[in-house]
Amino acid sequence: MVRDLASLRGPARGTVVLPLRLYWSPPGRVFDLGKPHSLQAMYQFVLGEADNAEDLTAYLNADLLAAVWPDLFLPKGIRRAWEEHHPELRTGAAA
């Protein structure tokens, strides 16, 4: 978890290759941030698998997170924790 969404300064465009510790399933670890399904999938994997703030700040972008937040399929515990720490996600104010 990060204290401030502004610390999420990951890429906002292009492609991203996730490390094996965050995404280990075939057919590859390349995500195109310009494609909504690819972006959502990458964010779901990072939010679900990251075990340190460095991964969150390296791969997530605050503006993109706010934009895709309502469409992400996340475990209830992860969604609840993020919305409790960052109520602007819940209310849509971050977007």
N, C-alpha and C. Protein backbone atom coordinates (compact mmCIF):
# COMPACT_ATOMS: atom_id res chain seq x y z
N MET A 1 0.85 -1.17 0.00
CA MET A 1 0.00 0.00 0.00
C MET A 1 0.90 1.24 0.00
N VAL A 2 0.42 2.27 -0.66
CA VAL A 2 1.13 3.55 -0.66
C VAL A 2 0.32 4.56 0.14
N ARG A 3 1.00 5.51 0.73
CA ARG A 3 0.32 6.52 1.55
C ARG A 3 -0.39 7.56 0.70
N ASP A 4 0.20 7.87 -0.46
CA ASP A 4 -0.31 8.94 -1.31
C ASP A 4 -0.39 8.45 -2.74
N LEU A 5 -1.55 8.58 -3.36
CA LEU A 5 -1.69 8.12 -4.75
C LEU A 5 -0.73 8.86 -5.68
N ALA A 6 -0.35 10.07 -5.34
CA ALA A 6 0.58 10.83 -6.19
C ALA A 6 1.93 10.13 -6.31
N SER A 7 2.25 9.23 -5.39
CA SER A 7 3.52 8.50 -5.49
C SER A 7 3.49 7.43 -6.57
N LEU A 8 2.31 7.15 -7.12
CA LEU A 8 2.19 6.16 -8.20
C LEU A 8 2.54 6.86 -9.50
N ARG A 9 3.79 6.73 -9.90
CA ARG A 9 4.29 7.44 -11.08
C ARG A 9 4.79 6.49 -12.15
N GLY A 10 4.13 5.35 -12.24
CA GLY A 10 4.49 4.38 -13.26
C GLY A 10 4.13 4.89 -14.64
N PRO A 11 4.44 4.11 -15.65
CA PRO A 11 4.19 4.54 -17.03
C PRO A 11 2.72 4.80 -17.31
N ALA A 12 2.47 5.77 -18.16
CA ALA A 12 1.11 6.14 -18.55
C ALA A 12 0.79 5.75 -19.99
N ARG A 13 1.81 5.31 -20.73
CA ARG A 13 1.59 4.88 -22.12
C ARG A 13 2.69 3.90 -22.51
N GLY A 14 2.48 3.28 -23.63
CA GLY A 14 3.46 2.32 -24.12
C GLY A 14 3.18 0.91 -23.63
N THR A 15 4.23 0.11 -23.61
CA THR A 15 4.09 -1.26 -23.13
C THR A 15 4.92 -1.45 -21.87
N VAL A 16 4.48 -2.39 -21.06
CA VAL A 16 5.15 -2.70 -19.81
C VAL A 16 5.35 -4.20 -19.75
N VAL A 17 6.54 -4.60 -19.33
CA VAL A 17 6.84 -6.01 -19.10
C VAL A 17 6.91 -6.21 -17.59
N LEU A 18 6.00 -6.99 -17.06
CA LEU A 18 6.01 -7.26 -15.63
C LEU A 18 7.02 -8.34 -15.29
N PRO A 19 7.66 -8.24 -14.15
CA PRO A 19 8.58 -9.30 -13.73
C PRO A 19 7.80 -10.56 -13.35
N LEU A 20 8.48 -11.68 -13.36
CA LEU A 20 7.83 -12.95 -13.03
C LEU A 20 7.17 -12.95 -11.67
N ARG A 21 7.69 -12.21 -10.71
CA ARG A 21 7.10 -12.21 -9.37
C ARG A 21 5.71 -11.59 -9.35
N LEU A 22 5.38 -10.79 -10.38
CA LEU A 22 4.06 -10.18 -10.45
C LEU A 22 3.12 -10.87 -11.44
N TYR A 23 3.70 -11.50 -12.45
CA TYR A 23 2.87 -12.18 -13.45
C TYR A 23 3.66 -13.34 -14.03
N TRP A 24 3.24 -14.54 -13.74
CA TRP A 24 4.02 -15.72 -14.14
C TRP A 24 3.30 -16.62 -15.13
N SER A 25 2.15 -16.19 -15.63
CA SER A 25 1.37 -17.03 -16.54
C SER A 25 1.69 -16.75 -18.00
N PRO A 26 1.69 -17.79 -18.82
CA PRO A 26 1.83 -17.57 -20.26
C PRO A 26 0.59 -16.86 -20.77
N PRO A 27 0.55 -16.23 -21.87
CA PRO A 27 1.49 -16.26 -22.98
C PRO A 27 2.50 -15.13 -22.99
N GLY A 28 2.78 -14.50 -21.93
CA GLY A 28 3.78 -13.44 -21.92
C GLY A 28 3.47 -12.45 -20.84
N ARG A 29 4.41 -11.54 -20.64
CA ARG A 29 4.26 -10.57 -19.56
C ARG A 29 4.24 -9.14 -20.09
N VAL A 30 3.92 -8.98 -21.37
CA VAL A 30 3.90 -7.64 -21.98
C VAL A 30 2.47 -7.12 -22.00
N PHE A 31 2.29 -5.91 -21.48
CA PHE A 31 0.97 -5.29 -21.41
C PHE A 31 1.01 -3.95 -22.13
N ASP A 32 0.04 -3.74 -23.02
CA ASP A 32 -0.08 -2.50 -23.80
C ASP A 32 -1.03 -1.56 -23.07
N LEU A 33 -0.50 -0.48 -22.54
CA LEU A 33 -1.32 0.44 -21.75
C LEU A 33 -2.34 1.19 -22.59
N GLY A 34 -2.22 1.15 -23.90
CA GLY A 34 -3.18 1.79 -24.78
C GLY A 34 -4.41 0.93 -25.05
N LYS A 35 -4.38 -0.30 -24.61
CA LYS A 35 -5.51 -1.22 -24.79
C LYS A 35 -6.19 -1.43 -23.44
N PRO A 36 -7.46 -1.03 -23.33
CA PRO A 36 -8.14 -1.07 -22.03
C PRO A 36 -8.06 -2.42 -21.30
N HIS A 37 -8.28 -3.52 -22.01
CA HIS A 37 -8.24 -4.83 -21.33
C HIS A 37 -6.84 -5.17 -20.85
N SER A 38 -5.85 -4.81 -21.63
CA SER A 38 -4.47 -5.06 -21.25
C SER A 38 -4.09 -4.22 -20.03
N LEU A 39 -4.48 -2.96 -20.04
CA LEU A 39 -4.22 -2.06 -18.91
C LEU A 39 -4.89 -2.58 -17.64
N GLN A 40 -6.16 -2.93 -17.74
CA GLN A 40 -6.89 -3.43 -16.58
C GLN A 40 -6.26 -4.71 -16.05
N ALA A 41 -5.89 -5.61 -16.94
CA ALA A 41 -5.27 -6.86 -16.50
C ALA A 41 -3.97 -6.59 -15.76
N MET A 42 -3.14 -5.72 -16.31
CA MET A 42 -1.88 -5.42 -15.65
C MET A 42 -2.11 -4.83 -14.26
N TYR A 43 -3.03 -3.89 -14.14
CA TYR A 43 -3.30 -3.27 -12.85
C TYR A 43 -3.85 -4.30 -11.85
N GLN A 44 -4.68 -5.19 -12.32
CA GLN A 44 -5.21 -6.24 -11.44
C GLN A 44 -4.08 -7.14 -10.93
N PHE A 45 -3.16 -7.50 -11.81
CA PHE A 45 -2.04 -8.34 -11.39
C PHE A 45 -1.15 -7.61 -10.40
N VAL A 46 -0.81 -6.36 -10.70
CA VAL A 46 0.08 -5.61 -9.81
C VAL A 46 -0.58 -5.41 -8.44
N LEU A 47 -1.83 -4.99 -8.43
CA LEU A 47 -2.52 -4.77 -7.15
C LEU A 47 -2.66 -6.07 -6.35
N GLY A 48 -2.84 -7.16 -7.04
CA GLY A 48 -3.02 -8.44 -6.36
C GLY A 48 -1.74 -9.12 -5.93
N GLU A 49 -0.64 -8.84 -6.61
CA GLU A 49 0.61 -9.58 -6.36
C GLU A 49 1.74 -8.77 -5.74
N ALA A 50 1.71 -7.46 -5.85
CA ALA A 50 2.81 -6.65 -5.31
C ALA A 50 2.88 -6.81 -3.80
N ASP A 51 4.09 -7.03 -3.32
CA ASP A 51 4.26 -7.16 -1.87
C ASP A 51 5.13 -6.05 -1.30
N ASN A 52 5.35 -5.00 -2.12
CA ASN A 52 6.12 -3.85 -1.62
C ASN A 52 5.69 -2.59 -2.38
N ALA A 53 5.92 -1.47 -1.74
CA ALA A 53 5.53 -0.18 -2.32
C ALA A 53 6.31 0.12 -3.59
N GLU A 54 7.53 -0.38 -3.69
CA GLU A 54 8.34 -0.10 -4.87
C GLU A 54 7.70 -0.66 -6.14
N ASP A 55 7.11 -1.84 -6.07
CA ASP A 55 6.42 -2.38 -7.23
C ASP A 55 5.20 -1.53 -7.59
N LEU A 56 4.48 -1.09 -6.58
CA LEU A 56 3.31 -0.26 -6.83
C LEU A 56 3.69 1.06 -7.50
N THR A 57 4.72 1.72 -6.98
CA THR A 57 5.10 3.02 -7.54
C THR A 57 5.77 2.88 -8.90
N ALA A 58 6.39 1.75 -9.17
CA ALA A 58 7.07 1.54 -10.46
C ALA A 58 6.11 1.19 -11.58
N TYR A 59 5.02 0.49 -11.27
CA TYR A 59 4.15 -0.02 -12.34
C TYR A 59 2.78 0.65 -12.42
N LEU A 60 2.34 1.30 -11.36
CA LEU A 60 1.02 1.94 -11.38
C LEU A 60 1.17 3.45 -11.55
N ASN A 61 0.22 4.03 -12.25
CA ASN A 61 0.16 5.47 -12.47
C ASN A 61 -1.13 5.96 -11.82
N ALA A 62 -1.05 6.99 -11.01
CA ALA A 62 -2.21 7.47 -10.25
C ALA A 62 -3.39 7.82 -11.15
N ASP A 63 -3.14 8.53 -12.23
CA ASP A 63 -4.24 8.92 -13.12
C ASP A 63 -4.89 7.71 -13.78
N LEU A 64 -4.07 6.77 -14.24
CA LEU A 64 -4.62 5.56 -14.85
C LEU A 64 -5.36 4.71 -13.83
N LEU A 65 -4.82 4.61 -12.62
CA LEU A 65 -5.50 3.84 -11.58
C LEU A 65 -6.88 4.41 -11.31
N ALA A 66 -6.97 5.72 -11.17
CA ALA A 66 -8.27 6.35 -10.93
C ALA A 66 -9.23 6.11 -12.08
N ALA A 67 -8.72 6.13 -13.29
CA ALA A 67 -9.58 5.95 -14.47
C ALA A 67 -10.12 4.53 -14.57
N VAL A 68 -9.30 3.54 -14.24
CA VAL A 68 -9.73 2.14 -14.41
C VAL A 68 -10.30 1.52 -13.14
N TRP A 69 -10.15 2.20 -12.01
CA TRP A 69 -10.56 1.63 -10.72
C TRP A 69 -11.96 1.01 -10.74
N PRO A 70 -12.98 1.70 -11.25
CA PRO A 70 -14.32 1.10 -11.21
C PRO A 70 -14.45 -0.20 -12.02
N ASP A 71 -13.57 -0.40 -12.98
CA ASP A 71 -13.67 -1.56 -13.87
C ASP A 71 -12.76 -2.72 -13.47
N LEU A 72 -11.95 -2.54 -12.43
CA LEU A 72 -11.02 -3.60 -12.03
C LEU A 72 -11.74 -4.69 -11.25
N PHE A 73 -11.39 -5.94 -11.55
CA PHE A 73 -11.89 -7.09 -10.80
C PHE A 73 -10.84 -7.42 -9.75
N LEU A 74 -11.12 -7.04 -8.51
CA LEU A 74 -10.18 -7.23 -7.42
C LEU A 74 -10.85 -8.01 -6.29
N PRO A 75 -10.06 -8.77 -5.55
CA PRO A 75 -10.62 -9.39 -4.35
C PRO A 75 -11.17 -8.30 -3.43
N LYS A 76 -12.25 -8.62 -2.73
CA LYS A 76 -12.90 -7.63 -1.87
C LYS A 76 -11.94 -7.01 -0.87
N GLY A 77 -11.04 -7.79 -0.31
CA GLY A 77 -10.10 -7.27 0.68
C GLY A 77 -9.16 -6.24 0.11
N ILE A 78 -8.70 -6.48 -1.10
CA ILE A 78 -7.79 -5.52 -1.74
C ILE A 78 -8.53 -4.23 -2.06
N ARG A 79 -9.73 -4.36 -2.65
CA ARG A 79 -10.51 -3.16 -2.99
C ARG A 79 -10.83 -2.37 -1.71
N ARG A 80 -11.26 -3.06 -0.68
CA ARG A 80 -11.62 -2.39 0.57
C ARG A 80 -10.42 -1.66 1.18
N ALA A 81 -9.28 -2.33 1.22
CA ALA A 81 -8.08 -1.71 1.80
C ALA A 81 -7.68 -0.46 1.03
N TRP A 82 -7.67 -0.54 -0.28
CA TRP A 82 -7.28 0.63 -1.07
C TRP A 82 -8.29 1.76 -0.90
N GLU A 83 -9.59 1.44 -0.89
CA GLU A 83 -10.60 2.49 -0.75
C GLU A 83 -10.61 3.08 0.65
N GLU A 84 -10.25 2.30 1.68
CA GLU A 84 -10.16 2.85 3.03
C GLU A 84 -8.99 3.81 3.14
N HIS A 85 -7.86 3.47 2.52
CA HIS A 85 -6.69 4.34 2.56
C HIS A 85 -6.79 5.51 1.59
N HIS A 86 -7.53 5.31 0.52
CA HIS A 86 -7.66 6.33 -0.54
C HIS A 86 -9.13 6.47 -0.91
N PRO A 87 -9.93 7.13 -0.06
CA PRO A 87 -11.37 7.24 -0.31
C PRO A 87 -11.72 7.91 -1.64
N GLU A 88 -10.79 8.67 -2.19
CA GLU A 88 -11.05 9.30 -3.49
C GLU A 88 -11.25 8.26 -4.59
N LEU A 89 -10.71 7.08 -4.43
CA LEU A 89 -10.96 6.00 -5.40
C LEU A 89 -12.43 5.57 -5.33
N ARG A 90 -12.93 5.43 -4.13
CA ARG A 90 -14.31 4.99 -3.92
C ARG A 90 -15.30 6.01 -4.46
N THR A 91 -15.02 7.26 -4.24
CA THR A 91 -15.98 8.29 -4.61
C THR A 91 -15.85 8.74 -6.06
N GLY A 92 -14.75 8.34 -6.70
CA GLY A 92 -14.52 8.78 -8.07
C GLY A 92 -13.86 10.14 -8.14
N ALA A 93 -13.56 10.73 -6.99
CA ALA A 93 -12.95 12.06 -6.98
C ALA A 93 -11.55 12.06 -7.54
N ALA A 94 -10.90 10.87 -7.55
CA ALA A 94 -9.53 10.81 -8.09
C ALA A 94 -9.51 10.97 -9.59
N ALA A 95 -10.59 10.64 -10.24
CA ALA A 95 -10.66 10.72 -11.70
C ALA A 95 -10.93 12.09 -12.13
